[in-house]
Amino acid sequence: MAAILRRVADFAEQGSEIEVAADRLELSARAMAGFAAFLQKSILPEAVAHGNRAGETQIRWSVDAAMDAVNTLLARAALQEGQAVRITLPPPPAEPCP
């Protein structure tokens, strides 16, 4: 699953789209759900507790984007189309002004 998350991160760094092979839809969905759960349970509370609003915004964006991708991947896997899926990421939150 770590390899899947690295691949997703590489796609995200290159642009706003992620492509997932047809035979990896469910596994990729599980990896992204685990990533979102880790952020939500372990990292987000720390950002909130320290009043880090920029961090909180970025973490919430990451969780929302990951869970949207999970929904898309699982829905497409259920259709059994046998095709790769492209997911367009929402724009990241704006950087806070210094």
N, C-alpha and C. Protein backbone atom coordinates (compact mmCIF):
# COMPACT_ATOMS: atom_id res chain seq x y z
N MET A 1 0.82 -1.19 0.00
CA MET A 1 0.00 0.00 0.00
C MET A 1 0.86 1.25 0.00
N ALA A 2 2.04 1.15 0.61
CA ALA A 2 2.93 2.31 0.61
C ALA A 2 3.32 2.68 -0.82
N ALA A 3 3.53 1.68 -1.66
CA ALA A 3 3.88 1.95 -3.06
C ALA A 3 2.74 2.67 -3.77
N ILE A 4 1.52 2.29 -3.46
CA ILE A 4 0.36 2.95 -4.06
C ILE A 4 0.30 4.40 -3.63
N LEU A 5 0.50 4.65 -2.34
CA LEU A 5 0.46 6.03 -1.85
C LEU A 5 1.60 6.87 -2.44
N ARG A 6 2.78 6.26 -2.62
CA ARG A 6 3.89 6.98 -3.27
C ARG A 6 3.51 7.34 -4.70
N ARG A 7 2.87 6.42 -5.41
CA ARG A 7 2.46 6.67 -6.80
C ARG A 7 1.42 7.79 -6.85
N VAL A 8 0.47 7.76 -5.95
CA VAL A 8 -0.54 8.82 -5.89
C VAL A 8 0.13 10.16 -5.60
N ALA A 9 1.07 10.17 -4.67
CA ALA A 9 1.79 11.41 -4.34
C ALA A 9 2.56 11.93 -5.55
N ASP A 10 3.18 11.02 -6.32
CA ASP A 10 3.90 11.44 -7.52
C ASP A 10 2.95 12.08 -8.53
N PHE A 11 1.80 11.46 -8.75
CA PHE A 11 0.80 12.03 -9.66
C PHE A 11 0.37 13.40 -9.16
N ALA A 12 0.10 13.51 -7.87
CA ALA A 12 -0.38 14.77 -7.30
C ALA A 12 0.66 15.88 -7.45
N GLU A 13 1.93 15.54 -7.33
CA GLU A 13 2.98 16.55 -7.48
C GLU A 13 3.10 17.02 -8.92
N GLN A 14 2.80 16.14 -9.87
CA GLN A 14 2.94 16.47 -11.29
C GLN A 14 1.76 17.28 -11.82
N GLY A 15 0.63 17.21 -11.17
CA GLY A 15 -0.54 17.92 -11.65
C GLY A 15 -1.73 17.63 -10.77
N SER A 16 -2.91 17.84 -11.33
CA SER A 16 -4.11 17.69 -10.52
C SER A 16 -4.87 16.40 -10.80
N GLU A 17 -4.26 15.47 -11.56
CA GLU A 17 -4.93 14.22 -11.87
C GLU A 17 -4.15 13.02 -11.35
N ILE A 18 -4.91 12.02 -10.96
CA ILE A 18 -4.34 10.76 -10.52
C ILE A 18 -4.93 9.68 -11.43
N GLU A 19 -4.11 8.79 -11.92
CA GLU A 19 -4.61 7.68 -12.73
C GLU A 19 -4.36 6.38 -11.98
N VAL A 20 -5.39 5.56 -11.89
CA VAL A 20 -5.31 4.29 -11.18
C VAL A 20 -5.67 3.18 -12.16
N ALA A 21 -4.81 2.18 -12.25
CA ALA A 21 -5.05 1.05 -13.15
C ALA A 21 -6.29 0.27 -12.71
N ALA A 22 -6.95 -0.33 -13.68
CA ALA A 22 -8.20 -1.05 -13.42
C ALA A 22 -8.03 -2.15 -12.38
N ASP A 23 -6.89 -2.82 -12.37
CA ASP A 23 -6.69 -3.92 -11.42
C ASP A 23 -6.22 -3.44 -10.04
N ARG A 24 -6.15 -2.14 -9.85
CA ARG A 24 -5.71 -1.57 -8.58
C ARG A 24 -6.76 -0.66 -7.92
N LEU A 25 -7.97 -0.65 -8.44
CA LEU A 25 -8.98 0.28 -7.94
C LEU A 25 -9.29 0.06 -6.46
N GLU A 26 -9.62 -1.17 -6.09
CA GLU A 26 -10.01 -1.43 -4.71
C GLU A 26 -8.84 -1.29 -3.75
N LEU A 27 -7.66 -1.80 -4.16
CA LEU A 27 -6.49 -1.69 -3.30
C LEU A 27 -6.10 -0.22 -3.11
N SER A 28 -6.18 0.56 -4.17
CA SER A 28 -5.86 1.99 -4.07
C SER A 28 -6.87 2.70 -3.18
N ALA A 29 -8.13 2.32 -3.28
CA ALA A 29 -9.17 2.92 -2.43
C ALA A 29 -8.87 2.62 -0.96
N ARG A 30 -8.48 1.39 -0.65
CA ARG A 30 -8.15 1.04 0.74
C ARG A 30 -6.94 1.83 1.24
N ALA A 31 -5.94 1.97 0.38
CA ALA A 31 -4.74 2.72 0.76
C ALA A 31 -5.09 4.18 1.07
N MET A 32 -5.91 4.79 0.21
CA MET A 32 -6.27 6.19 0.42
C MET A 32 -7.18 6.36 1.62
N ALA A 33 -8.05 5.40 1.87
CA ALA A 33 -8.90 5.46 3.07
C ALA A 33 -8.04 5.37 4.33
N GLY A 34 -7.04 4.52 4.31
CA GLY A 34 -6.13 4.41 5.46
C GLY A 34 -5.35 5.69 5.67
N PHE A 35 -4.90 6.30 4.58
CA PHE A 35 -4.19 7.57 4.65
C PHE A 35 -5.08 8.65 5.26
N ALA A 36 -6.31 8.73 4.79
CA ALA A 36 -7.26 9.73 5.31
C ALA A 36 -7.54 9.48 6.79
N ALA A 37 -7.71 8.22 7.17
CA ALA A 37 -7.99 7.89 8.58
C ALA A 37 -6.81 8.28 9.47
N PHE A 38 -5.59 8.00 9.00
CA PHE A 38 -4.40 8.37 9.77
C PHE A 38 -4.33 9.88 9.97
N LEU A 39 -4.54 10.63 8.90
CA LEU A 39 -4.52 12.09 9.02
C LEU A 39 -5.58 12.58 9.99
N GLN A 40 -6.78 12.03 9.86
CA GLN A 40 -7.90 12.50 10.67
C GLN A 40 -7.74 12.14 12.14
N LYS A 41 -7.22 10.97 12.42
CA LYS A 41 -7.12 10.51 13.81
C LYS A 41 -5.84 10.96 14.51
N SER A 42 -4.74 11.07 13.76
CA SER A 42 -3.45 11.32 14.39
C SER A 42 -2.89 12.71 14.16
N ILE A 43 -3.04 13.23 12.98
CA ILE A 43 -2.39 14.50 12.63
C ILE A 43 -3.31 15.69 12.83
N LEU A 44 -4.55 15.59 12.39
CA LEU A 44 -5.50 16.69 12.51
C LEU A 44 -5.67 17.17 13.95
N PRO A 45 -5.85 16.28 14.92
CA PRO A 45 -6.02 16.77 16.31
C PRO A 45 -4.81 17.58 16.80
N GLU A 46 -3.63 17.22 16.35
CA GLU A 46 -2.44 17.99 16.75
C GLU A 46 -2.46 19.39 16.16
N ALA A 47 -2.83 19.49 14.89
CA ALA A 47 -2.90 20.81 14.26
C ALA A 47 -3.95 21.69 14.95
N VAL A 48 -5.09 21.10 15.26
CA VAL A 48 -6.15 21.85 15.94
C VAL A 48 -5.70 22.27 17.33
N ALA A 49 -5.10 21.35 18.07
CA ALA A 49 -4.66 21.63 19.44
C ALA A 49 -3.63 22.75 19.49
N HIS A 50 -2.82 22.87 18.45
CA HIS A 50 -1.79 23.90 18.42
C HIS A 50 -2.24 25.18 17.71
N GLY A 51 -3.50 25.21 17.32
CA GLY A 51 -4.02 26.42 16.66
C GLY A 51 -3.43 26.66 15.29
N ASN A 52 -2.96 25.61 14.64
CA ASN A 52 -2.34 25.74 13.32
C ASN A 52 -3.44 25.69 12.26
N ARG A 53 -4.01 26.85 11.97
CA ARG A 53 -5.14 26.91 11.04
C ARG A 53 -4.73 26.53 9.61
N ALA A 54 -3.55 26.95 9.18
CA ALA A 54 -3.10 26.59 7.83
C ALA A 54 -2.91 25.08 7.73
N GLY A 55 -2.29 24.49 8.74
CA GLY A 55 -2.11 23.05 8.75
C GLY A 55 -3.44 22.32 8.80
N GLU A 56 -4.34 22.81 9.61
CA GLU A 56 -5.67 22.20 9.72
C GLU A 56 -6.39 22.24 8.37
N THR A 57 -6.31 23.36 7.69
CA THR A 57 -6.95 23.49 6.38
C THR A 57 -6.36 22.51 5.38
N GLN A 58 -5.05 22.40 5.36
CA GLN A 58 -4.39 21.49 4.43
C GLN A 58 -4.71 20.03 4.76
N ILE A 59 -4.75 19.69 6.02
CA ILE A 59 -5.07 18.32 6.42
C ILE A 59 -6.51 17.99 6.05
N ARG A 60 -7.42 18.91 6.33
CA ARG A 60 -8.83 18.67 5.98
C ARG A 60 -9.00 18.52 4.47
N TRP A 61 -8.28 19.32 3.69
CA TRP A 61 -8.31 19.20 2.23
C TRP A 61 -7.82 17.81 1.82
N SER A 62 -6.73 17.37 2.41
CA SER A 62 -6.17 16.05 2.07
C SER A 62 -7.14 14.93 2.40
N VAL A 63 -7.78 15.01 3.56
CA VAL A 63 -8.75 13.99 3.96
C VAL A 63 -9.93 13.99 3.00
N ASP A 64 -10.47 15.17 2.70
CA ASP A 64 -11.62 15.26 1.80
C ASP A 64 -11.28 14.75 0.40
N ALA A 65 -10.11 15.14 -0.12
CA ALA A 65 -9.70 14.71 -1.46
C ALA A 65 -9.51 13.19 -1.50
N ALA A 66 -8.89 12.64 -0.46
CA ALA A 66 -8.67 11.20 -0.41
C ALA A 66 -10.00 10.44 -0.35
N MET A 67 -10.93 10.91 0.47
CA MET A 67 -12.20 10.21 0.60
C MET A 67 -13.06 10.36 -0.66
N ASP A 68 -12.97 11.48 -1.34
CA ASP A 68 -13.66 11.62 -2.63
C ASP A 68 -13.09 10.61 -3.63
N ALA A 69 -11.76 10.46 -3.61
CA ALA A 69 -11.12 9.48 -4.50
C ALA A 69 -11.55 8.06 -4.15
N VAL A 70 -11.63 7.76 -2.86
CA VAL A 70 -12.08 6.44 -2.41
C VAL A 70 -13.47 6.15 -2.97
N ASN A 71 -14.38 7.09 -2.84
CA ASN A 71 -15.74 6.91 -3.35
C ASN A 71 -15.75 6.66 -4.86
N THR A 72 -14.98 7.43 -5.58
CA THR A 72 -14.91 7.27 -7.03
C THR A 72 -14.33 5.91 -7.41
N LEU A 73 -13.24 5.55 -6.77
CA LEU A 73 -12.58 4.28 -7.10
C LEU A 73 -13.48 3.08 -6.80
N LEU A 74 -14.14 3.10 -5.65
CA LEU A 74 -15.00 1.97 -5.30
C LEU A 74 -16.22 1.90 -6.21
N ALA A 75 -16.77 3.04 -6.57
CA ALA A 75 -17.91 3.05 -7.48
C ALA A 75 -17.53 2.49 -8.85
N ARG A 76 -16.37 2.90 -9.34
CA ARG A 76 -15.91 2.41 -10.65
C ARG A 76 -15.52 0.95 -10.59
N ALA A 77 -14.96 0.51 -9.47
CA ALA A 77 -14.62 -0.92 -9.32
C ALA A 77 -15.89 -1.76 -9.34
N ALA A 78 -16.95 -1.27 -8.73
CA ALA A 78 -18.21 -2.01 -8.70
C ALA A 78 -18.82 -2.16 -10.10
N LEU A 79 -18.54 -1.21 -10.97
CA LEU A 79 -19.06 -1.29 -12.34
C LEU A 79 -18.32 -2.33 -13.18
N GLN A 80 -17.15 -2.73 -12.74
CA GLN A 80 -16.32 -3.73 -13.43
C GLN A 80 -16.14 -3.41 -14.91
N GLU A 81 -15.74 -2.19 -15.19
CA GLU A 81 -15.54 -1.75 -16.57
C GLU A 81 -14.19 -2.21 -17.14
N GLY A 82 -13.25 -2.53 -16.25
CA GLY A 82 -11.94 -2.99 -16.69
C GLY A 82 -11.07 -1.89 -17.28
N GLN A 83 -11.33 -0.65 -16.89
CA GLN A 83 -10.57 0.48 -17.41
C GLN A 83 -9.93 1.25 -16.27
N ALA A 84 -8.80 1.88 -16.59
CA ALA A 84 -8.15 2.76 -15.62
C ALA A 84 -9.07 3.93 -15.30
N VAL A 85 -8.89 4.50 -14.13
CA VAL A 85 -9.71 5.62 -13.69
C VAL A 85 -8.83 6.83 -13.46
N ARG A 86 -9.26 7.96 -13.99
CA ARG A 86 -8.58 9.24 -13.73
C ARG A 86 -9.41 10.03 -12.74
N ILE A 87 -8.72 10.54 -11.74
CA ILE A 87 -9.38 11.35 -10.72
C ILE A 87 -8.73 12.73 -10.74
N THR A 88 -9.56 13.74 -10.84
CA THR A 88 -9.05 15.11 -10.80
C THR A 88 -9.15 15.62 -9.37
N LEU A 89 -8.02 16.03 -8.84
CA LEU A 89 -7.98 16.56 -7.48
C LEU A 89 -8.54 17.98 -7.45
N PRO A 90 -9.22 18.32 -6.37
CA PRO A 90 -9.65 19.72 -6.23
C PRO A 90 -8.41 20.59 -6.01
N PRO A 91 -8.51 21.86 -6.31
CA PRO A 91 -7.35 22.74 -6.08
C PRO A 91 -7.01 22.75 -4.59
N PRO A 92 -5.72 22.75 -4.27
CA PRO A 92 -5.34 22.79 -2.86
C PRO A 92 -5.72 24.12 -2.23
N PRO A 93 -5.80 24.15 -0.91
CA PRO A 93 -6.13 25.42 -0.26
C PRO A 93 -5.06 26.46 -0.55
N ALA A 94 -5.49 27.69 -0.59
CA ALA A 94 -4.55 28.80 -0.83
C ALA A 94 -3.58 28.91 0.34
N GLU A 95 -2.40 29.30 0.04
CA GLU A 95 -1.39 29.52 1.08
C GLU A 95 -1.79 30.73 1.92
N PRO A 96 -1.66 30.65 3.23
CA PRO A 96 -1.99 31.80 4.06
C PRO A 96 -1.00 32.94 3.83
N CYS A 97 -1.49 34.14 3.96
CA CYS A 97 -0.63 35.32 3.82
C CYS A 97 0.27 35.45 5.06
N PRO A 98 1.52 35.81 4.84
CA PRO A 98 2.43 35.96 6.02
C PRO A 98 2.07 37.16 6.87
